[in-house]
């Protein structure tokens, strides 16, 4: 694969991992960083080393197709070509910030294409709801501070409607999808149809993306590199964009 040489402003689309990182409410333990050594050694030089633990699905992360498709690719099997590409940003923040249960629709994609042209092959589709600005406030970001099964009915945040997902898969040849919320399905989803549709087609997707407000509707080049976990259903993700519209 020949990569384009792009100059521009680098935008970090990743939330840092910390004790504040947001996870699905059924995860009772999130990110933990433990010091193994921090100080001067007997030989007289400074040394620091830590260890960390984290669920796969939390913070800025990638969902591998096996997450919702038995025969889907594991994270180490997802091709790098799917994780690189020109991005489009579909801005639904005006609607989503008024309606926590907003689902991005077919019409949203049709409206985007009417302004910027047909979604090209190999595109990474990024969905900007505006909820990234609430991170890491759990109540504002996902609708609840509760941990455990009882919290699931309290989840309220936007997502991608299954009908719009079908439209993307039928009309476009995309590399990946990303969103600035906790899940590609909206908070009140019980069947996770958008997850299932994408996973069945081996389309990876990114959740909890940061700083989408800093990207143009089209033209930024995205590089999304996950931790390569053998057999993983997902992984922490460092995702950046190179925005050629800025210098």
C-alpha atoms as a PDB file:
ATOM      1  CA  UNK A   1       0.000   0.000   0.000  1.00  0.00           C
ATOM      2  CA  UNK A   2       1.396   3.383  -1.012  1.00  0.00           C
ATOM      3  CA  UNK A   3       0.686   6.001   1.633  1.00  0.00           C
ATOM      4  CA  UNK A   4       0.196   9.623   0.637  1.00  0.00           C
ATOM      5  CA  UNK A   5       2.668  12.162   1.926  1.00  0.00           C
ATOM      6  CA  UNK A   6       0.556  14.646   3.818  1.00  0.00           C
ATOM      7  CA  UNK A   7       1.651  17.816   5.533  1.00  0.00           C
ATOM      8  CA  UNK A   8      -0.596  19.516   8.007  1.00  0.00           C
ATOM      9  CA  UNK A   9      -1.681  19.874  11.591  1.00  0.00           C
ATOM     10  CA  UNK A  10      -1.720  16.674  13.648  1.00  0.00           C
ATOM     11  CA  UNK A  11      -4.887  16.292  15.719  1.00  0.00           C
ATOM     12  CA  UNK A  12      -4.928  13.779  18.559  1.00  0.00           C
ATOM     13  CA  UNK A  13      -8.303  12.011  18.522  1.00  0.00           C
ATOM     14  CA  UNK A  14      -7.535   9.977  21.649  1.00  0.00           C
ATOM     15  CA  UNK A  15      -8.633  10.384  25.247  1.00  0.00           C
ATOM     16  CA  UNK A  16      -5.895   9.569  27.769  1.00  0.00           C
ATOM     17  CA  UNK A  17      -6.285   6.425  29.871  1.00  0.00           C
ATOM     18  CA  UNK A  18      -6.590   7.097  33.598  1.00  0.00           C
ATOM     19  CA  UNK A  19      -8.745   6.344  36.609  1.00  0.00           C
ATOM     20  CA  UNK A  20     -11.335   8.680  35.011  1.00  0.00           C
ATOM     21  CA  UNK A  21     -11.649   6.631  31.811  1.00  0.00           C
ATOM     22  CA  UNK A  22     -15.248   5.686  31.042  1.00  0.00           C
ATOM     23  CA  UNK A  23     -16.195   2.033  30.524  1.00  0.00           C
ATOM     24  CA  UNK A  24     -19.434   0.174  29.932  1.00  0.00           C
ATOM     25  CA  UNK A  25     -21.357   0.175  33.234  1.00  0.00           C
ATOM     26  CA  UNK A  26     -21.111  -3.595  33.649  1.00  0.00           C
ATOM     27  CA  UNK A  27     -17.313  -3.270  33.912  1.00  0.00           C
ATOM     28  CA  UNK A  28     -16.826  -2.874  37.650  1.00  0.00           C
ATOM     29  CA  UNK A  29     -13.101  -2.218  37.292  1.00  0.00           C
ATOM     30  CA  UNK A  30     -11.655   0.127  34.685  1.00  0.00           C
ATOM     31  CA  UNK A  31      -8.133   1.251  33.948  1.00  0.00           C
ATOM     32  CA  UNK A  32      -5.532   0.690  36.658  1.00  0.00           C
ATOM     33  CA  UNK A  33      -1.921   1.865  36.612  1.00  0.00           C
ATOM     34  CA  UNK A  34       0.310   0.400  39.301  1.00  0.00           C
ATOM     35  CA  UNK A  35       3.836   1.515  40.066  1.00  0.00           C
ATOM     36  CA  UNK A  36       6.404  -1.265  40.079  1.00  0.00           C
ATOM     37  CA  UNK A  37       9.389   0.993  40.684  1.00  0.00           C
ATOM     38  CA  UNK A  38       9.864   4.726  40.927  1.00  0.00           C
ATOM     39  CA  UNK A  39      13.090   6.113  42.311  1.00  0.00           C
ATOM     40  CA  UNK A  40      16.849   5.854  42.426  1.00  0.00           C
ATOM     41  CA  UNK A  41      18.443   2.478  41.899  1.00  0.00           C
ATOM     42  CA  UNK A  42      21.327   1.075  43.898  1.00  0.00           C
ATOM     43  CA  UNK A  43      23.545   2.006  40.954  1.00  0.00           C
ATOM     44  CA  UNK A  44      22.643   5.668  41.304  1.00  0.00           C
ATOM     45  CA  UNK A  45      20.349   6.320  38.359  1.00  0.00           C
ATOM     46  CA  UNK A  46      16.625   7.068  38.240  1.00  0.00           C
ATOM     47  CA  UNK A  47      14.270   4.338  36.974  1.00  0.00           C
ATOM     48  CA  UNK A  48      10.473   4.086  36.624  1.00  0.00           C
ATOM     49  CA  UNK A  49       8.263   1.180  35.509  1.00  0.00           C
ATOM     50  CA  UNK A  50       4.548   0.513  35.808  1.00  0.00           C
ATOM     51  CA  UNK A  51       2.023  -2.138  34.929  1.00  0.00           C
ATOM     52  CA  UNK A  52      -1.545  -1.573  33.825  1.00  0.00           C
ATOM     53  CA  UNK A  53      -4.794  -3.488  33.478  1.00  0.00           C
ATOM     54  CA  UNK A  54      -7.821  -2.530  31.418  1.00  0.00           C
ATOM     55  CA  UNK A  55     -10.886  -4.078  29.792  1.00  0.00           C
ATOM     56  CA  UNK A  56     -10.665  -4.112  25.986  1.00  0.00           C
ATOM     57  CA  UNK A  57     -13.725  -1.921  25.496  1.00  0.00           C
ATOM     58  CA  UNK A  58     -13.346   1.435  27.179  1.00  0.00           C
ATOM     59  CA  UNK A  59     -11.692   4.754  26.593  1.00  0.00           C
ATOM     60  CA  UNK A  60     -10.744   5.492  22.997  1.00  0.00           C
ATOM     61  CA  UNK A  61     -10.735   1.982  21.572  1.00  0.00           C
ATOM     62  CA  UNK A  62     -11.434  -0.184  18.552  1.00  0.00           C
ATOM     63  CA  UNK A  63     -14.008  -2.948  18.253  1.00  0.00           C
ATOM     64  CA  UNK A  64     -12.796  -5.895  16.208  1.00  0.00           C
ATOM     65  CA  UNK A  65     -15.383  -7.771  14.119  1.00  0.00           C
ATOM     66  CA  UNK A  66     -15.264 -10.828  16.389  1.00  0.00           C
ATOM     67  CA  UNK A  67     -16.835  -8.669  19.109  1.00  0.00           C
ATOM     68  CA  UNK A  68     -20.274  -9.362  17.594  1.00  0.00           C
ATOM     69  CA  UNK A  69     -19.588 -11.926  14.832  1.00  0.00           C
ATOM     70  CA  UNK A  70     -18.393 -15.436  15.688  1.00  0.00           C
ATOM     71  CA  UNK A  71     -16.412 -15.738  12.456  1.00  0.00           C
ATOM     72  CA  UNK A  72     -15.242 -12.133  12.497  1.00  0.00           C
ATOM     73  CA  UNK A  73     -11.642 -11.015  12.582  1.00  0.00           C
ATOM     74  CA  UNK A  74      -9.812 -10.648  15.871  1.00  0.00           C
ATOM     75  CA  UNK A  75      -7.972  -7.393  16.491  1.00  0.00           C
ATOM     76  CA  UNK A  76      -4.632  -8.808  15.340  1.00  0.00           C
ATOM     77  CA  UNK A  77      -6.277  -9.947  12.087  1.00  0.00           C
ATOM     78  CA  UNK A  78      -7.707  -6.555  11.121  1.00  0.00           C
ATOM     79  CA  UNK A  79      -5.649  -5.290   8.183  1.00  0.00           C
ATOM     80  CA  UNK A  80      -3.709  -2.079   8.632  1.00  0.00           C
ATOM     81  CA  UNK A  81      -5.185  -0.840   5.360  1.00  0.00           C
ATOM     82  CA  UNK A  82      -8.572  -0.572   7.074  1.00  0.00           C
ATOM     83  CA  UNK A  83      -7.086   1.616   9.787  1.00  0.00           C
ATOM     84  CA  UNK A  84      -5.665   4.265   7.473  1.00  0.00           C
ATOM     85  CA  UNK A  85      -7.479   6.578   5.114  1.00  0.00           C
ATOM     86  CA  UNK A  86      -9.082   9.872   4.246  1.00  0.00           C
ATOM     87  CA  UNK A  87     -11.801  10.700   6.741  1.00  0.00           C
ATOM     88  CA  UNK A  88     -15.138  12.376   6.417  1.00  0.00           C
ATOM     89  CA  UNK A  89     -16.840  13.950   9.422  1.00  0.00           C
ATOM     90  CA  UNK A  90     -20.623  13.828   9.527  1.00  0.00           C
ATOM     91  CA  UNK A  91     -21.672  16.553  11.955  1.00  0.00           C
ATOM     92  CA  UNK A  92     -24.963  15.798  13.719  1.00  0.00           C
ATOM     93  CA  UNK A  93     -24.078  17.711  16.892  1.00  0.00           C
ATOM     94  CA  UNK A  94     -26.916  20.221  16.543  1.00  0.00           C
ATOM     95  CA  UNK A  95     -29.510  17.450  16.621  1.00  0.00           C
ATOM     96  CA  UNK A  96     -27.673  15.127  19.021  1.00  0.00           C
ATOM     97  CA  UNK A  97     -27.062  17.720  21.714  1.00  0.00           C
ATOM     98  CA  UNK A  98     -30.797  18.413  21.790  1.00  0.00           C
ATOM     99  CA  UNK A  99     -31.723  14.715  21.880  1.00  0.00           C
ATOM    100  CA  UNK A 100     -29.551  12.312  23.872  1.00  0.00           C
ATOM    101  CA  UNK A 101     -31.198   9.370  22.081  1.00  0.00           C
ATOM    102  CA  UNK A 102     -30.522  10.712  18.595  1.00  0.00           C
ATOM    103  CA  UNK A 103     -29.676   8.109  15.958  1.00  0.00           C
ATOM    104  CA  UNK A 104     -27.694   9.160  12.910  1.00  0.00           C
ATOM    105  CA  UNK A 105     -29.910   8.535   9.897  1.00  0.00           C
ATOM    106  CA  UNK A 106     -29.731   7.765   6.208  1.00  0.00           C
ATOM    107  CA  UNK A 107     -30.790  11.356   5.585  1.00  0.00           C
ATOM    108  CA  UNK A 108     -27.748  12.601   7.506  1.00  0.00           C
ATOM    109  CA  UNK A 109     -25.500  10.781   5.023  1.00  0.00           C
ATOM    110  CA  UNK A 110     -27.544  11.948   2.047  1.00  0.00           C
ATOM    111  CA  UNK A 111     -27.269  15.526   3.313  1.00  0.00           C
ATOM    112  CA  UNK A 112     -23.497  15.146   3.695  1.00  0.00           C
ATOM    113  CA  UNK A 113     -23.152  13.805   0.143  1.00  0.00           C
ATOM    114  CA  UNK A 114     -25.291  16.618  -1.236  1.00  0.00           C
ATOM    115  CA  UNK A 115     -22.780  19.101   0.190  1.00  0.00           C
ATOM    116  CA  UNK A 116     -19.463  17.299  -0.331  1.00  0.00           C
ATOM    117  CA  UNK A 117     -19.974  14.597  -2.950  1.00  0.00           C
ATOM    118  CA  UNK A 118     -20.214  10.822  -2.884  1.00  0.00           C
ATOM    119  CA  UNK A 119     -18.406   9.035  -0.070  1.00  0.00           C
ATOM    120  CA  UNK A 120     -15.266   7.639  -1.714  1.00  0.00           C
ATOM    121  CA  UNK A 121     -13.962   4.085  -1.512  1.00  0.00           C
ATOM    122  CA  UNK A 122     -11.642   3.529   1.424  1.00  0.00           C
ATOM    123  CA  UNK A 123     -13.129   6.331   3.520  1.00  0.00           C
ATOM    124  CA  UNK A 124     -13.072   6.326   7.307  1.00  0.00           C
ATOM    125  CA  UNK A 125     -16.463   7.674   8.376  1.00  0.00           C
ATOM    126  CA  UNK A 126     -16.341   9.711  11.589  1.00  0.00           C
ATOM    127  CA  UNK A 127     -19.556  10.679  13.349  1.00  0.00           C
ATOM    128  CA  UNK A 128     -19.459  13.904  15.350  1.00  0.00           C
ATOM    129  CA  UNK A 129     -22.232  14.160  17.942  1.00  0.00           C
ATOM    130  CA  UNK A 130     -20.557  16.751  20.145  1.00  0.00           C
ATOM    131  CA  UNK A 131     -20.532  14.453  23.184  1.00  0.00           C
ATOM    132  CA  UNK A 132     -16.749  14.336  23.302  1.00  0.00           C
ATOM    133  CA  UNK A 133     -16.815  17.687  25.085  1.00  0.00           C
ATOM    134  CA  UNK A 134     -18.426  15.986  28.103  1.00  0.00           C
ATOM    135  CA  UNK A 135     -15.544  13.525  28.662  1.00  0.00           C
ATOM    136  CA  UNK A 136     -14.838  12.302  31.379  1.00  0.00           C
ATOM    137  CA  UNK A 137     -18.097  13.332  33.100  1.00  0.00           C
ATOM    138  CA  UNK A 138     -19.965  10.004  33.103  1.00  0.00           C
ATOM    139  CA  UNK A 139     -23.370  11.514  33.808  1.00  0.00           C
ATOM    140  CA  UNK A 140     -23.175  13.974  30.925  1.00  0.00           C
ATOM    141  CA  UNK A 141     -21.371  11.578  28.602  1.00  0.00           C
ATOM    142  CA  UNK A 142     -23.407   8.377  28.973  1.00  0.00           C
ATOM    143  CA  UNK A 143     -26.348   9.508  31.096  1.00  0.00           C
ATOM    144  CA  UNK A 144     -25.571   7.725  34.362  1.00  0.00           C
ATOM    145  CA  UNK A 145     -23.014   7.429  37.154  1.00  0.00           C
ATOM    146  CA  UNK A 146     -24.323   4.017  38.173  1.00  0.00           C
ATOM    147  CA  UNK A 147     -22.180   0.886  37.831  1.00  0.00           C
ATOM    148  CA  UNK A 148     -23.675  -2.549  37.164  1.00  0.00           C
ATOM    149  CA  UNK A 149     -26.560  -4.089  35.222  1.00  0.00           C
ATOM    150  CA  UNK A 150     -29.043  -1.620  36.683  1.00  0.00           C
ATOM    151  CA  UNK A 151     -27.277   1.210  34.850  1.00  0.00           C
ATOM    152  CA  UNK A 152     -28.075  -0.136  31.391  1.00  0.00           C
ATOM    153  CA  UNK A 153     -31.603   1.279  31.366  1.00  0.00           C
ATOM    154  CA  UNK A 154     -30.169   4.688  32.274  1.00  0.00           C
ATOM    155  CA  UNK A 155     -27.820   4.944  29.282  1.00  0.00           C
ATOM    156  CA  UNK A 156     -28.651   7.854  26.991  1.00  0.00           C
ATOM    157  CA  UNK A 157     -26.256   8.926  24.239  1.00  0.00           C
ATOM    158  CA  UNK A 158     -26.435   9.140  20.426  1.00  0.00           C
ATOM    159  CA  UNK A 159     -25.454   6.409  18.003  1.00  0.00           C
ATOM    160  CA  UNK A 160     -25.676   5.184  14.414  1.00  0.00           C
ATOM    161  CA  UNK A 161     -29.088   3.872  13.355  1.00  0.00           C
ATOM    162  CA  UNK A 162     -29.084   0.338  11.880  1.00  0.00           C
ATOM    163  CA  UNK A 163     -30.847   1.608   8.744  1.00  0.00           C
ATOM    164  CA  UNK A 164     -28.084   4.144   8.184  1.00  0.00           C
ATOM    165  CA  UNK A 165     -25.515   1.394   8.757  1.00  0.00           C
ATOM    166  CA  UNK A 166     -27.179  -0.745   6.087  1.00  0.00           C
ATOM    167  CA  UNK A 167     -27.158   2.243   3.733  1.00  0.00           C
ATOM    168  CA  UNK A 168     -23.412   2.721   4.280  1.00  0.00           C
ATOM    169  CA  UNK A 169     -22.686  -0.945   3.674  1.00  0.00           C
ATOM    170  CA  UNK A 170     -24.852  -1.112   0.549  1.00  0.00           C
ATOM    171  CA  UNK A 171     -23.820   2.185  -1.031  1.00  0.00           C
ATOM    172  CA  UNK A 172     -20.231   2.748   0.080  1.00  0.00           C
ATOM    173  CA  UNK A 173     -16.988   0.798   0.322  1.00  0.00           C
ATOM    174  CA  UNK A 174     -15.723   2.175   3.611  1.00  0.00           C
ATOM    175  CA  UNK A 175     -12.659   1.239   5.642  1.00  0.00           C
ATOM    176  CA  UNK A 176     -13.993   1.906   9.127  1.00  0.00           C
ATOM    177  CA  UNK A 177     -16.427   3.963  11.203  1.00  0.00           C
ATOM    178  CA  UNK A 178     -15.833   6.028  14.344  1.00  0.00           C
ATOM    179  CA  UNK A 179     -17.932   7.977  16.823  1.00  0.00           C
ATOM    180  CA  UNK A 180     -17.388  10.308  19.790  1.00  0.00           C
ATOM    181  CA  UNK A 181     -19.704   8.377  22.128  1.00  0.00           C
ATOM    182  CA  UNK A 182     -19.444   5.257  24.284  1.00  0.00           C
ATOM    183  CA  UNK A 183     -20.949   2.970  21.629  1.00  0.00           C
ATOM    184  CA  UNK A 184     -21.662   2.911  17.911  1.00  0.00           C
ATOM    185  CA  UNK A 185     -25.225   1.899  18.886  1.00  0.00           C
ATOM    186  CA  UNK A 186     -27.201   4.485  20.815  1.00  0.00           C
ATOM    187  CA  UNK A 187     -27.445   4.143  24.585  1.00  0.00           C
ATOM    188  CA  UNK A 188     -30.898   2.553  24.698  1.00  0.00           C
ATOM    189  CA  UNK A 189     -30.046  -0.179  22.193  1.00  0.00           C
ATOM    190  CA  UNK A 190     -30.755  -3.685  23.454  1.00  0.00           C
ATOM    191  CA  UNK A 191     -29.942  -5.684  20.317  1.00  0.00           C
ATOM    192  CA  UNK A 192     -26.797  -3.817  19.182  1.00  0.00           C
ATOM    193  CA  UNK A 193     -27.839  -4.108  15.548  1.00  0.00           C
ATOM    194  CA  UNK A 194     -25.264  -1.599  14.266  1.00  0.00           C
ATOM    195  CA  UNK A 195     -22.479  -3.511  16.006  1.00  0.00           C
ATOM    196  CA  UNK A 196     -23.708  -6.747  14.450  1.00  0.00           C
ATOM    197  CA  UNK A 197     -24.084  -5.330  10.938  1.00  0.00           C
ATOM    198  CA  UNK A 198     -20.574  -3.886  10.870  1.00  0.00           C
ATOM    199  CA  UNK A 199     -18.950  -6.910  12.485  1.00  0.00           C
ATOM    200  CA  UNK A 200     -20.599  -9.305  10.050  1.00  0.00           C
ATOM    201  CA  UNK A 201     -18.921  -7.395   7.210  1.00  0.00           C
ATOM    202  CA  UNK A 202     -15.551  -7.272   9.009  1.00  0.00           C
ATOM    203  CA  UNK A 203     -15.718  -3.484   9.322  1.00  0.00           C
ATOM    204  CA  UNK A 204     -13.832  -2.288  12.420  1.00  0.00           C
ATOM    205  CA  UNK A 205     -15.089   0.744  14.312  1.00  0.00           C
ATOM    206  CA  UNK A 206     -13.777   3.216  16.853  1.00  0.00           C
ATOM    207  CA  UNK A 207     -15.578   4.490  19.947  1.00  0.00           C
ATOM    208  CA  UNK A 208     -14.952   7.386  22.357  1.00  0.00           C
ATOM    209  CA  UNK A 209     -13.059   9.470  19.808  1.00  0.00           C
ATOM    210  CA  UNK A 210     -11.857  12.903  20.935  1.00  0.00           C
ATOM    211  CA  UNK A 211     -11.562  16.282  19.202  1.00  0.00           C
ATOM    212  CA  UNK A 212     -13.684  15.636  16.129  1.00  0.00           C
ATOM    213  CA  UNK A 213     -14.638  19.312  16.220  1.00  0.00           C
ATOM    214  CA  UNK A 214     -11.087  20.070  15.027  1.00  0.00           C
ATOM    215  CA  UNK A 215     -11.482  18.195  11.723  1.00  0.00           C
ATOM    216  CA  UNK A 216     -12.995  19.398   8.446  1.00  0.00           C
ATOM    217  CA  UNK A 217     -15.958  17.608   6.813  1.00  0.00           C
ATOM    218  CA  UNK A 218     -13.548  15.953   4.371  1.00  0.00           C
ATOM    219  CA  UNK A 219      -9.826  15.728   3.738  1.00  0.00           C
ATOM    220  CA  UNK A 220      -8.139  14.796   7.011  1.00  0.00           C
ATOM    221  CA  UNK A 221      -6.007  11.658   6.892  1.00  0.00           C
ATOM    222  CA  UNK A 222      -6.614   9.263   9.791  1.00  0.00           C
ATOM    223  CA  UNK A 223      -4.169   6.789  11.311  1.00  0.00           C
ATOM    224  CA  UNK A 224      -5.773   4.473  13.891  1.00  0.00           C
ATOM    225  CA  UNK A 225      -3.357   2.016  15.500  1.00  0.00           C
ATOM    226  CA  UNK A 226      -4.619  -0.352  18.220  1.00  0.00           C
ATOM    227  CA  UNK A 227      -2.690  -2.480  20.648  1.00  0.00           C
ATOM    228  CA  UNK A 228      -2.109  -5.740  18.755  1.00  0.00           C
ATOM    229  CA  UNK A 229      -3.733  -8.250  21.110  1.00  0.00           C
ATOM    230  CA  UNK A 230      -3.689 -11.784  19.745  1.00  0.00           C
ATOM    231  CA  UNK A 231      -7.263 -13.032  19.708  1.00  0.00           C
ATOM    232  CA  UNK A 232      -8.604  -9.742  21.060  1.00  0.00           C
ATOM    233  CA  UNK A 233     -12.178  -8.564  20.503  1.00  0.00           C
ATOM    234  CA  UNK A 234     -11.018  -4.969  20.837  1.00  0.00           C
ATOM    235  CA  UNK A 235      -8.115  -2.899  22.071  1.00  0.00           C
ATOM    236  CA  UNK A 236      -7.016   0.503  23.308  1.00  0.00           C
ATOM    237  CA  UNK A 237      -6.506   2.779  20.320  1.00  0.00           C
ATOM    238  CA  UNK A 238      -4.183   5.673  19.542  1.00  0.00           C
ATOM    239  CA  UNK A 239      -5.885   7.500  16.723  1.00  0.00           C
ATOM    240  CA  UNK A 240      -4.671  10.707  15.081  1.00  0.00           C
ATOM    241  CA  UNK A 241      -5.615  12.773  12.082  1.00  0.00           C
ATOM    242  CA  UNK A 242      -3.424  14.871   9.825  1.00  0.00           C
ATOM    243  CA  UNK A 243      -5.458  17.875   8.812  1.00  0.00           C
ATOM    244  CA  UNK A 244      -4.061  19.335   5.572  1.00  0.00           C
ATOM    245  CA  UNK A 245      -6.365  22.343   5.873  1.00  0.00           C
ATOM    246  CA  UNK A 246      -4.198  23.702   8.685  1.00  0.00           C
ATOM    247  CA  UNK A 247      -0.465  24.274   8.897  1.00  0.00           C
END
